[in-house]
Amino acid sequence: MHALDVLGDPVRRRILELLAEGEASAGTVGATIGDEFGISQPAVSQHLKVLRDNGFATVRPEGTRRLYAVDARGPSEAREWLSAFERFWLPGLAALDTELARGRRTRRIATTPTRPTTTSPKNTKKET
């Protein structure tokens, strides 16, 4: 299965978001996903299996629990495939970054208090 096929499912994307926060047990993932998507624990287990089989998640036993974590191979594969298309969005992002920087500079200048100008008393003697 292609990396983008794996990521095409919203349930699997959400599972990866949960795992990106840190290692989680199958029960915790199942409860969260079950509440959010209204699917059963066996259905969540099938999604975890797809993630494991395609290099997006790892599992390790700890006693009677199975702990899942993100496997860097899957996201790397997706990133590699998408890198061929970066030329379509990177210039736009660079332009956006420039505009954001200009806006920050403009706001900073607008909120910086101006110093009152004082005139120094140069030759203030009255001529008599």
C-alpha atoms as a PDB file:
ATOM      1  CA  MET A   1       0.000   0.000   0.000  1.00  0.00           C
ATOM      2  CA  HIS A   2       1.355   3.438  -0.901  1.00  0.00           C
ATOM      3  CA  ALA A   3       2.067   5.843   1.951  1.00  0.00           C
ATOM      4  CA  LEU A   4      -0.595   8.247   0.744  1.00  0.00           C
ATOM      5  CA  ASP A   5      -3.159   5.441   0.627  1.00  0.00           C
ATOM      6  CA  VAL A   6      -2.397   4.787   4.282  1.00  0.00           C
ATOM      7  CA  LEU A   7      -2.747   8.485   5.095  1.00  0.00           C
ATOM      8  CA  GLY A   8      -5.894   8.811   2.991  1.00  0.00           C
ATOM      9  CA  ASP A   9      -8.042   7.465   5.797  1.00  0.00           C
ATOM     10  CA  PRO A  10      -9.046  10.040   8.447  1.00  0.00           C
ATOM     11  CA  VAL A  11      -9.070   7.424  11.212  1.00  0.00           C
ATOM     12  CA  ARG A  12      -5.475   6.421  10.484  1.00  0.00           C
ATOM     13  CA  ARG A  13      -4.401  10.065  10.280  1.00  0.00           C
ATOM     14  CA  ARG A  14      -5.981  10.690  13.681  1.00  0.00           C
ATOM     15  CA  ILE A  15      -4.288   7.617  15.154  1.00  0.00           C
ATOM     16  CA  LEU A  16      -0.944   8.949  13.908  1.00  0.00           C
ATOM     17  CA  GLU A  17      -1.702  12.339  15.483  1.00  0.00           C
ATOM     18  CA  LEU A  18      -2.294  10.581  18.803  1.00  0.00           C
ATOM     19  CA  LEU A  19       0.889   8.541  18.473  1.00  0.00           C
ATOM     20  CA  ALA A  20       2.885  11.652  17.538  1.00  0.00           C
ATOM     21  CA  GLU A  21       2.184  12.910  21.067  1.00  0.00           C
ATOM     22  CA  GLY A  22       3.948   9.841  22.447  1.00  0.00           C
ATOM     23  CA  GLU A  23       3.656   6.115  22.874  1.00  0.00           C
ATOM     24  CA  ALA A  24       0.113   4.936  23.648  1.00  0.00           C
ATOM     25  CA  SER A  25      -1.515   1.645  24.480  1.00  0.00           C
ATOM     26  CA  ALA A  26      -3.908  -0.031  22.069  1.00  0.00           C
ATOM     27  CA  GLY A  27      -6.658   0.418  24.655  1.00  0.00           C
ATOM     28  CA  THR A  28      -6.075   4.157  24.946  1.00  0.00           C
ATOM     29  CA  VAL A  29      -5.973   4.590  21.183  1.00  0.00           C
ATOM     30  CA  GLY A  30      -9.064   2.423  20.804  1.00  0.00           C
ATOM     31  CA  ALA A  31     -11.027   4.380  23.403  1.00  0.00           C
ATOM     32  CA  THR A  32     -10.114   7.762  21.935  1.00  0.00           C
ATOM     33  CA  ILE A  33     -10.746   6.758  18.328  1.00  0.00           C
ATOM     34  CA  GLY A  34     -13.922   4.903  19.300  1.00  0.00           C
ATOM     35  CA  ASP A  35     -15.285   8.035  20.978  1.00  0.00           C
ATOM     36  CA  GLU A  36     -14.295  10.350  18.146  1.00  0.00           C
ATOM     37  CA  PHE A  37     -15.312   8.183  15.181  1.00  0.00           C
ATOM     38  CA  GLY A  38     -17.865   5.833  16.715  1.00  0.00           C
ATOM     39  CA  ILE A  39     -16.030   2.675  15.646  1.00  0.00           C
ATOM     40  CA  SER A  40     -15.346  -0.512  17.569  1.00  0.00           C
ATOM     41  CA  GLN A  41     -12.090  -1.645  19.166  1.00  0.00           C
ATOM     42  CA  PRO A  42     -11.648  -4.394  16.517  1.00  0.00           C
ATOM     43  CA  ALA A  43     -11.993  -1.747  13.782  1.00  0.00           C
ATOM     44  CA  VAL A  44      -9.334   0.401  15.491  1.00  0.00           C
ATOM     45  CA  SER A  45      -7.120  -2.683  15.733  1.00  0.00           C
ATOM     46  CA  GLN A  46      -7.430  -3.157  11.968  1.00  0.00           C
ATOM     47  CA  HIS A  47      -6.301   0.443  11.407  1.00  0.00           C
ATOM     48  CA  LEU A  48      -3.359  -0.086  13.763  1.00  0.00           C
ATOM     49  CA  LYS A  49      -2.436  -3.198  11.792  1.00  0.00           C
ATOM     50  CA  VAL A  50      -2.454  -1.239   8.517  1.00  0.00           C
ATOM     51  CA  LEU A  51      -0.213   1.394  10.123  1.00  0.00           C
ATOM     52  CA  ARG A  52       2.163  -1.306  11.423  1.00  0.00           C
ATOM     53  CA  ASP A  53       2.263  -3.273   8.178  1.00  0.00           C
ATOM     54  CA  ASN A  54       3.074  -0.156   6.160  1.00  0.00           C
ATOM     55  CA  GLY A  55       5.816   1.231   8.361  1.00  0.00           C
ATOM     56  CA  PHE A  56       3.873   4.022  10.073  1.00  0.00           C
ATOM     57  CA  ALA A  57       3.672   2.516  13.549  1.00  0.00           C
ATOM     58  CA  THR A  58       5.652   0.214  15.768  1.00  0.00           C
ATOM     59  CA  VAL A  59       4.319  -1.960  18.543  1.00  0.00           C
ATOM     60  CA  ARG A  60       6.011  -3.386  21.583  1.00  0.00           C
ATOM     61  CA  PRO A  61       4.524  -5.636  24.214  1.00  0.00           C
ATOM     62  CA  GLU A  62       4.644  -4.563  27.840  1.00  0.00           C
ATOM     63  CA  GLY A  63       3.071  -7.220  29.992  1.00  0.00           C
ATOM     64  CA  THR A  64      -0.440  -7.692  28.681  1.00  0.00           C
ATOM     65  CA  ARG A  65      -0.505  -4.321  26.905  1.00  0.00           C
ATOM     66  CA  ARG A  66       0.622  -3.410  23.422  1.00  0.00           C
ATOM     67  CA  LEU A  67       2.236   0.015  23.167  1.00  0.00           C
ATOM     68  CA  TYR A  68       2.200   1.801  19.822  1.00  0.00           C
ATOM     69  CA  ALA A  69       4.456   4.590  18.576  1.00  0.00           C
ATOM     70  CA  VAL A  70       5.097   6.378  15.283  1.00  0.00           C
ATOM     71  CA  ASP A  71       7.635   4.662  13.040  1.00  0.00           C
ATOM     72  CA  ALA A  72       9.612   7.278  11.090  1.00  0.00           C
ATOM     73  CA  ARG A  73       9.781   5.110   7.953  1.00  0.00           C
ATOM     74  CA  GLY A  74       6.189   5.743   6.868  1.00  0.00           C
ATOM     75  CA  PRO A  75       6.148   9.525   7.185  1.00  0.00           C
ATOM     76  CA  SER A  76       9.571   9.637   5.506  1.00  0.00           C
ATOM     77  CA  GLU A  77       8.243   7.693   2.533  1.00  0.00           C
ATOM     78  CA  ALA A  78       5.299  10.077   2.220  1.00  0.00           C
ATOM     79  CA  ARG A  79       7.605  13.085   2.480  1.00  0.00           C
ATOM     80  CA  GLU A  80       9.943  11.692  -0.189  1.00  0.00           C
ATOM     81  CA  TRP A  81       7.063  11.200  -2.580  1.00  0.00           C
ATOM     82  CA  LEU A  82       5.691  14.684  -1.892  1.00  0.00           C
ATOM     83  CA  SER A  83       9.112  16.327  -2.285  1.00  0.00           C
ATOM     84  CA  ALA A  84       8.754  16.085  -6.073  1.00  0.00           C
ATOM     85  CA  PHE A  85       5.921  18.613  -5.782  1.00  0.00           C
ATOM     86  CA  GLU A  86       7.588  21.103  -3.424  1.00  0.00           C
ATOM     87  CA  ARG A  87       8.345  23.460  -6.296  1.00  0.00           C
ATOM     88  CA  PHE A  88       4.618  24.140  -6.554  1.00  0.00           C
ATOM     89  CA  TRP A  89       4.155  25.383  -3.002  1.00  0.00           C
ATOM     90  CA  LEU A  90       7.563  26.392  -1.612  1.00  0.00           C
ATOM     91  CA  PRO A  91       7.795  29.697  -3.535  1.00  0.00           C
ATOM     92  CA  GLY A  92       4.330  30.614  -2.275  1.00  0.00           C
ATOM     93  CA  LEU A  93       5.309  29.769   1.284  1.00  0.00           C
ATOM     94  CA  ALA A  94       8.483  31.850   0.960  1.00  0.00           C
ATOM     95  CA  ALA A  95       6.414  34.784  -0.316  1.00  0.00           C
ATOM     96  CA  LEU A  96       3.978  34.333   2.572  1.00  0.00           C
ATOM     97  CA  ASP A  97       6.882  34.318   5.019  1.00  0.00           C
ATOM     98  CA  THR A  98       8.140  37.599   3.547  1.00  0.00           C
ATOM     99  CA  GLU A  99       4.712  39.213   3.832  1.00  0.00           C
ATOM    100  CA  LEU A 100       4.308  38.020   7.425  1.00  0.00           C
ATOM    101  CA  ALA A 101       7.711  39.479   8.297  1.00  0.00           C
ATOM    102  CA  ARG A 102       6.712  42.799   6.714  1.00  0.00           C
ATOM    103  CA  GLY A 103       3.496  42.817   8.712  1.00  0.00           C
ATOM    104  CA  ARG A 104       5.362  42.123  11.962  1.00  0.00           C
ATOM    105  CA  ARG A 105       7.819  44.914  11.183  1.00  0.00           C
ATOM    106  CA  THR A 106       5.007  47.349  10.364  1.00  0.00           C
ATOM    107  CA  ARG A 107       3.184  46.507  13.608  1.00  0.00           C
ATOM    108  CA  ARG A 108       6.385  46.793  15.609  1.00  0.00           C
ATOM    109  CA  ILE A 109       7.128  50.220  14.141  1.00  0.00           C
ATOM    110  CA  ALA A 110       3.541  51.361  14.702  1.00  0.00           C
ATOM    111  CA  THR A 111       3.565  50.337  18.361  1.00  0.00           C
ATOM    112  CA  THR A 112       7.020  51.666  19.186  1.00  0.00           C
ATOM    113  CA  PRO A 113       6.577  54.908  21.108  1.00  0.00           C
ATOM    114  CA  THR A 114       8.178  57.834  19.420  1.00  0.00           C
ATOM    115  CA  ARG A 115      10.571  59.944  21.354  1.00  0.00           C
ATOM    116  CA  PRO A 116       9.578  63.548  21.699  1.00  0.00           C
ATOM    117  CA  THR A 117      11.892  65.807  19.813  1.00  0.00           C
ATOM    118  CA  THR A 118      13.554  68.423  21.911  1.00  0.00           C
ATOM    119  CA  THR A 119      15.318  71.418  20.680  1.00  0.00           C
ATOM    120  CA  SER A 120      18.627  72.013  22.230  1.00  0.00           C
ATOM    121  CA  PRO A 121      19.250  75.546  23.354  1.00  0.00           C
ATOM    122  CA  LYS A 122      21.821  76.685  20.876  1.00  0.00           C
ATOM    123  CA  ASN A 123      22.735  80.298  21.078  1.00  0.00           C
ATOM    124  CA  THR A 124      19.693  81.345  23.071  1.00  0.00           C
ATOM    125  CA  LYS A 125      21.362  84.492  24.367  1.00  0.00           C
ATOM    126  CA  LYS A 126      19.546  87.641  23.570  1.00  0.00           C
ATOM    127  CA  GLU A 127      21.537  90.198  21.800  1.00  0.00           C
ATOM    128  CA  THR A 128      21.466  93.559  23.378  1.00  0.00           C
END
